[in-house]
C-alpha atoms as a PDB file:
ATOM      1  CA  MET A   1     -16.743 -36.632   1.641  1.00  0.00           C
ATOM      2  CA  SER A   2     -16.597 -40.060   0.100  1.00  0.00           C
ATOM      3  CA  GLU A   3     -13.363 -41.956  -0.448  1.00  0.00           C
ATOM      4  CA  ARG A   4     -14.103 -41.791  -4.158  1.00  0.00           C
ATOM      5  CA  ASP A   5     -14.254 -37.974  -4.048  1.00  0.00           C
ATOM      6  CA  ILE A   6     -11.039 -37.773  -2.022  1.00  0.00           C
ATOM      7  CA  ARG A   7      -9.246 -40.030  -4.508  1.00  0.00           C
ATOM      8  CA  ALA A   8     -10.561 -38.052  -7.498  1.00  0.00           C
ATOM      9  CA  ILE A   9      -9.417 -34.716  -6.065  1.00  0.00           C
ATOM     10  CA  GLY A  10      -6.098 -36.190  -4.953  1.00  0.00           C
ATOM     11  CA  SER A  11      -5.589 -37.560  -8.444  1.00  0.00           C
ATOM     12  CA  LEU A  12      -6.056 -34.075  -9.900  1.00  0.00           C
ATOM     13  CA  VAL A  13      -3.540 -32.582  -7.461  1.00  0.00           C
ATOM     14  CA  TYR A  14      -0.993 -35.331  -8.160  1.00  0.00           C
ATOM     15  CA  SER A  15      -1.481 -35.173 -11.939  1.00  0.00           C
ATOM     16  CA  TYR A  16       0.090 -31.735 -12.205  1.00  0.00           C
ATOM     17  CA  PRO A  17       3.616 -32.734 -11.056  1.00  0.00           C
ATOM     18  CA  ARG A  18       3.714 -35.785 -13.307  1.00  0.00           C
ATOM     19  CA  LEU A  19       2.596 -33.823 -16.367  1.00  0.00           C
ATOM     20  CA  ILE A  20       4.774 -30.761 -15.822  1.00  0.00           C
ATOM     21  CA  ASP A  21       7.829 -32.920 -15.044  1.00  0.00           C
ATOM     22  CA  ASP A  22       7.214 -34.747 -18.342  1.00  0.00           C
ATOM     23  CA  GLY A  23       7.077 -31.391 -20.171  1.00  0.00           C
ATOM     24  CA  ASP A  24       3.551 -32.206 -21.396  1.00  0.00           C
ATOM     25  CA  PHE A  25       2.195 -28.663 -21.575  1.00  0.00           C
ATOM     26  CA  ASP A  26      -0.862 -29.738 -23.592  1.00  0.00           C
ATOM     27  CA  ALA A  27      -1.946 -32.123 -20.836  1.00  0.00           C
ATOM     28  CA  VAL A  28      -1.236 -29.531 -18.118  1.00  0.00           C
ATOM     29  CA  ALA A  29      -3.374 -27.006 -20.019  1.00  0.00           C
ATOM     30  CA  ASP A  30      -6.134 -29.615 -20.348  1.00  0.00           C
ATOM     31  CA  LEU A  31      -5.988 -30.232 -16.588  1.00  0.00           C
ATOM     32  CA  PHE A  32      -6.536 -26.524 -15.853  1.00  0.00           C
ATOM     33  CA  GLN A  33      -8.689 -25.612 -18.867  1.00  0.00           C
ATOM     34  CA  HIS A  34     -11.682 -24.591 -16.691  1.00  0.00           C
ATOM     35  CA  ALA A  35      -9.618 -22.956 -13.960  1.00  0.00           C
ATOM     36  CA  ARG A  36      -8.210 -19.612 -13.030  1.00  0.00           C
ATOM     37  CA  VAL A  37      -4.510 -19.913 -12.193  1.00  0.00           C
ATOM     38  CA  ILE A  38      -3.307 -17.138  -9.925  1.00  0.00           C
ATOM     39  CA  ALA A  39       0.435 -16.480  -9.752  1.00  0.00           C
ATOM     40  CA  GLY A  40       2.184 -15.401  -6.580  1.00  0.00           C
ATOM     41  CA  ASP A  41       2.045 -11.756  -7.668  1.00  0.00           C
ATOM     42  CA  GLY A  42      -1.737 -11.968  -8.155  1.00  0.00           C
ATOM     43  CA  THR A  43      -1.675 -12.178 -11.957  1.00  0.00           C
ATOM     44  CA  VAL A  44      -4.603 -14.277 -13.199  1.00  0.00           C
ATOM     45  CA  PHE A  45      -4.281 -16.652 -16.146  1.00  0.00           C
ATOM     46  CA  GLN A  46      -7.359 -18.338 -17.583  1.00  0.00           C
ATOM     47  CA  GLY A  47      -8.272 -20.344 -20.660  1.00  0.00           C
ATOM     48  CA  ARG A  48      -6.632 -23.441 -22.089  1.00  0.00           C
ATOM     49  CA  GLU A  49      -4.569 -21.695 -24.780  1.00  0.00           C
ATOM     50  CA  VAL A  50      -3.424 -18.913 -22.441  1.00  0.00           C
ATOM     51  CA  LEU A  51      -2.318 -21.486 -19.874  1.00  0.00           C
ATOM     52  CA  ARG A  52      -0.603 -23.689 -22.434  1.00  0.00           C
ATOM     53  CA  GLU A  53       1.358 -20.697 -23.729  1.00  0.00           C
ATOM     54  CA  LEU A  54       2.237 -19.686 -20.158  1.00  0.00           C
ATOM     55  CA  TRP A  55       3.916 -23.034 -19.491  1.00  0.00           C
ATOM     56  CA  ALA A  56       5.299 -23.582 -22.999  1.00  0.00           C
ATOM     57  CA  SER A  57       6.952 -20.163 -23.159  1.00  0.00           C
ATOM     58  CA  GLY A  58       7.995 -19.978 -19.517  1.00  0.00           C
ATOM     59  CA  VAL A  59       9.386 -23.407 -18.659  1.00  0.00           C
ATOM     60  CA  ARG A  60      12.716 -24.354 -20.151  1.00  0.00           C
ATOM     61  CA  LEU A  61      12.877 -27.821 -21.710  1.00  0.00           C
ATOM     62  CA  HIS A  62      16.210 -29.610 -21.887  1.00  0.00           C
ATOM     63  CA  GLU A  63      17.697 -32.070 -24.384  1.00  0.00           C
ATOM     64  CA  ASP A  64      15.413 -34.888 -23.214  1.00  0.00           C
ATOM     65  CA  GLY A  65      12.285 -32.750 -23.774  1.00  0.00           C
ATOM     66  CA  THR A  66      11.594 -32.293 -20.057  1.00  0.00           C
ATOM     67  CA  PRO A  67      12.325 -29.484 -17.595  1.00  0.00           C
ATOM     68  CA  ARG A  68      14.522 -31.949 -15.643  1.00  0.00           C
ATOM     69  CA  THR A  69      12.448 -31.299 -12.527  1.00  0.00           C
ATOM     70  CA  GLN A  70      10.783 -33.421  -9.897  1.00  0.00           C
ATOM     71  CA  HIS A  71       7.798 -31.798  -8.188  1.00  0.00           C
ATOM     72  CA  VAL A  72       7.092 -33.369  -4.799  1.00  0.00           C
ATOM     73  CA  VAL A  73       3.599 -32.766  -3.385  1.00  0.00           C
ATOM     74  CA  THR A  74       3.047 -33.210   0.351  1.00  0.00           C
ATOM     75  CA  ASN A  75       0.717 -32.120   3.148  1.00  0.00           C
ATOM     76  CA  LEU A  76      -2.397 -32.495   0.987  1.00  0.00           C
ATOM     77  CA  ASP A  77      -5.435 -31.343   2.961  1.00  0.00           C
ATOM     78  CA  ILE A  78      -8.835 -31.606   1.242  1.00  0.00           C
ATOM     79  CA  THR A  79     -11.943 -29.889   2.628  1.00  0.00           C
ATOM     80  CA  HIS A  80     -15.453 -30.587   1.388  1.00  0.00           C
ATOM     81  CA  ALA A  81     -18.917 -29.988   2.824  1.00  0.00           C
ATOM     82  CA  GLU A  82     -21.105 -33.070   2.466  1.00  0.00           C
ATOM     83  CA  GLY A  83     -23.281 -32.835  -0.635  1.00  0.00           C
ATOM     84  CA  ALA A  84     -21.526 -29.744  -2.008  1.00  0.00           C
ATOM     85  CA  ASP A  85     -20.245 -29.610  -5.567  1.00  0.00           C
ATOM     86  CA  THR A  86     -17.162 -27.630  -4.540  1.00  0.00           C
ATOM     87  CA  ALA A  87     -14.122 -28.535  -2.478  1.00  0.00           C
ATOM     88  CA  THR A  88     -10.824 -26.946  -1.523  1.00  0.00           C
ATOM     89  CA  ALA A  89      -7.351 -28.325  -0.964  1.00  0.00           C
ATOM     90  CA  SER A  90      -3.971 -27.058   0.060  1.00  0.00           C
ATOM     91  CA  SER A  91      -0.642 -28.764  -0.483  1.00  0.00           C
ATOM     92  CA  TYR A  92       3.065 -28.084  -0.314  1.00  0.00           C
ATOM     93  CA  VAL A  93       5.172 -28.383  -3.458  1.00  0.00           C
ATOM     94  CA  THR A  94       8.929 -28.811  -3.421  1.00  0.00           C
ATOM     95  CA  VAL A  95      10.656 -28.619  -6.804  1.00  0.00           C
ATOM     96  CA  LEU A  96      13.959 -30.378  -7.341  1.00  0.00           C
ATOM     97  CA  GLN A  97      16.051 -30.018 -10.461  1.00  0.00           C
ATOM     98  CA  ALA A  98      19.227 -31.500 -11.904  1.00  0.00           C
ATOM     99  CA  CYS A  99      20.641 -30.876 -15.373  1.00  0.00           C
ATOM    100  CA  PRO A 100      23.984 -30.150 -17.017  1.00  0.00           C
ATOM    101  CA  GLY A 101      25.433 -27.183 -15.158  1.00  0.00           C
ATOM    102  CA  LEU A 102      23.137 -27.613 -12.144  1.00  0.00           C
ATOM    103  CA  PRO A 103      23.647 -30.378  -9.591  1.00  0.00           C
ATOM    104  CA  LEU A 104      20.574 -31.875  -7.910  1.00  0.00           C
ATOM    105  CA  GLN A 105      19.015 -29.282  -5.626  1.00  0.00           C
ATOM    106  CA  VAL A 106      15.774 -27.758  -4.413  1.00  0.00           C
ATOM    107  CA  ILE A 107      14.943 -24.792  -6.632  1.00  0.00           C
ATOM    108  CA  ALA A 108      11.565 -23.772  -5.173  1.00  0.00           C
ATOM    109  CA  ALA A 109       9.088 -24.459  -2.398  1.00  0.00           C
ATOM    110  CA  SER A 110       5.466 -23.336  -2.650  1.00  0.00           C
ATOM    111  CA  ARG A 111       1.997 -23.869  -1.293  1.00  0.00           C
ATOM    112  CA  HIS A 112      -0.873 -24.492  -3.692  1.00  0.00           C
ATOM    113  CA  ASP A 113      -4.377 -23.498  -2.640  1.00  0.00           C
ATOM    114  CA  ASP A 114      -6.888 -25.134  -4.966  1.00  0.00           C
ATOM    115  CA  VAL A 115     -10.621 -24.924  -5.544  1.00  0.00           C
ATOM    116  CA  PHE A 116     -12.438 -27.768  -7.279  1.00  0.00           C
ATOM    117  CA  GLU A 117     -15.906 -28.076  -8.732  1.00  0.00           C
ATOM    118  CA  ARG A 118     -17.924 -31.152  -9.565  1.00  0.00           C
ATOM    119  CA  VAL A 119     -19.555 -30.940 -13.004  1.00  0.00           C
ATOM    120  CA  ASP A 120     -21.633 -33.813 -14.365  1.00  0.00           C
ATOM    121  CA  GLY A 121     -20.310 -36.025 -11.567  1.00  0.00           C
ATOM    122  CA  ALA A 122     -16.617 -35.365 -12.263  1.00  0.00           C
ATOM    123  CA  TRP A 123     -14.231 -33.165 -10.275  1.00  0.00           C
ATOM    124  CA  ARG A 124     -12.076 -30.559 -12.005  1.00  0.00           C
ATOM    125  CA  PHE A 125      -9.886 -27.618 -11.078  1.00  0.00           C
ATOM    126  CA  ALA A 126     -11.731 -24.302 -10.737  1.00  0.00           C
ATOM    127  CA  GLU A 127      -8.810 -22.309  -9.314  1.00  0.00           C
ATOM    128  CA  ARG A 128      -5.171 -22.726  -8.338  1.00  0.00           C
ATOM    129  CA  ARG A 129      -3.329 -20.115  -6.323  1.00  0.00           C
ATOM    130  CA  ASP A 130       0.441 -20.519  -6.165  1.00  0.00           C
ATOM    131  CA  ARG A 131       2.015 -19.121  -3.016  1.00  0.00           C
ATOM    132  CA  GLN A 132       5.748 -19.316  -3.589  1.00  0.00           C
ATOM    133  CA  ARG A 133       7.555 -19.435  -0.259  1.00  0.00           C
ATOM    134  CA  LEU A 134      11.212 -20.151  -1.016  1.00  0.00           C
ATOM    135  CA  VAL A 135      13.158 -19.613  -4.234  1.00  0.00           C
ATOM    136  CA  GLY A 136      16.491 -21.088  -5.230  1.00  0.00           C
ATOM    137  CA  ASP A 137      18.402 -21.150  -8.508  1.00  0.00           C
ATOM    138  CA  LEU A 138      15.743 -20.960 -11.247  1.00  0.00           C
ATOM    139  CA  SER A 139      18.212 -20.161 -14.028  1.00  0.00           C
ATOM    140  CA  HIS A 140      17.862 -23.641 -15.562  1.00  0.00           C
ATOM    141  CA  HIS A 141      14.092 -23.842 -15.057  1.00  0.00           C
ATOM    142  CA  PHE A 142      12.583 -20.780 -16.668  1.00  0.00           C
ATOM    143  CA  ALA A 143      13.075 -20.027 -20.347  1.00  0.00           C
ATOM    144  CA  PRO A 144      14.813 -16.750 -21.114  1.00  0.00           C
ATOM    145  CA  PRO A 145      12.510 -14.106 -22.547  1.00  0.00           C
ATOM    146  CA  PRO A 146      12.505 -13.933 -26.349  1.00  0.00           C
ATOM    147  CA  ALA A 147      15.028 -11.523 -27.865  1.00  0.00           C
ATOM    148  CA  SER A 148      13.582  -8.276 -29.161  1.00  0.00           C
ATOM    149  CA  ALA A 149      13.407  -7.986 -32.939  1.00  0.00           C
END
């Protein structure tokens, strides 16, 4: 795998935390628009609008327009067979959060298993599987479900 390919795939992996921490759900949906996103319970989400709605309705934004989180990605391991137009990667994700009513703390720790495909010379996400390992206080992170009418 070339250094260029490694950097391109790494850039995709590292784009997610920056975008989600900024509360930019449109950009996150664009990043995964060609991918299947598989939740820890096996539920599959696919399609740009479905994914955008998933994040926009599920992640709580605070007064500054962000979720007040910091996603830290470590242990990135990329695997690619020479000449192939697919690659895989796994990484650890630790989510920190601090906001009014919640002092700085780790609220979740997960592993992401990703599949990438190269289309017209550019890498993109084809699949992300979230394997949540540890869960803390998510009460300030996830939006409450809408009230019934």
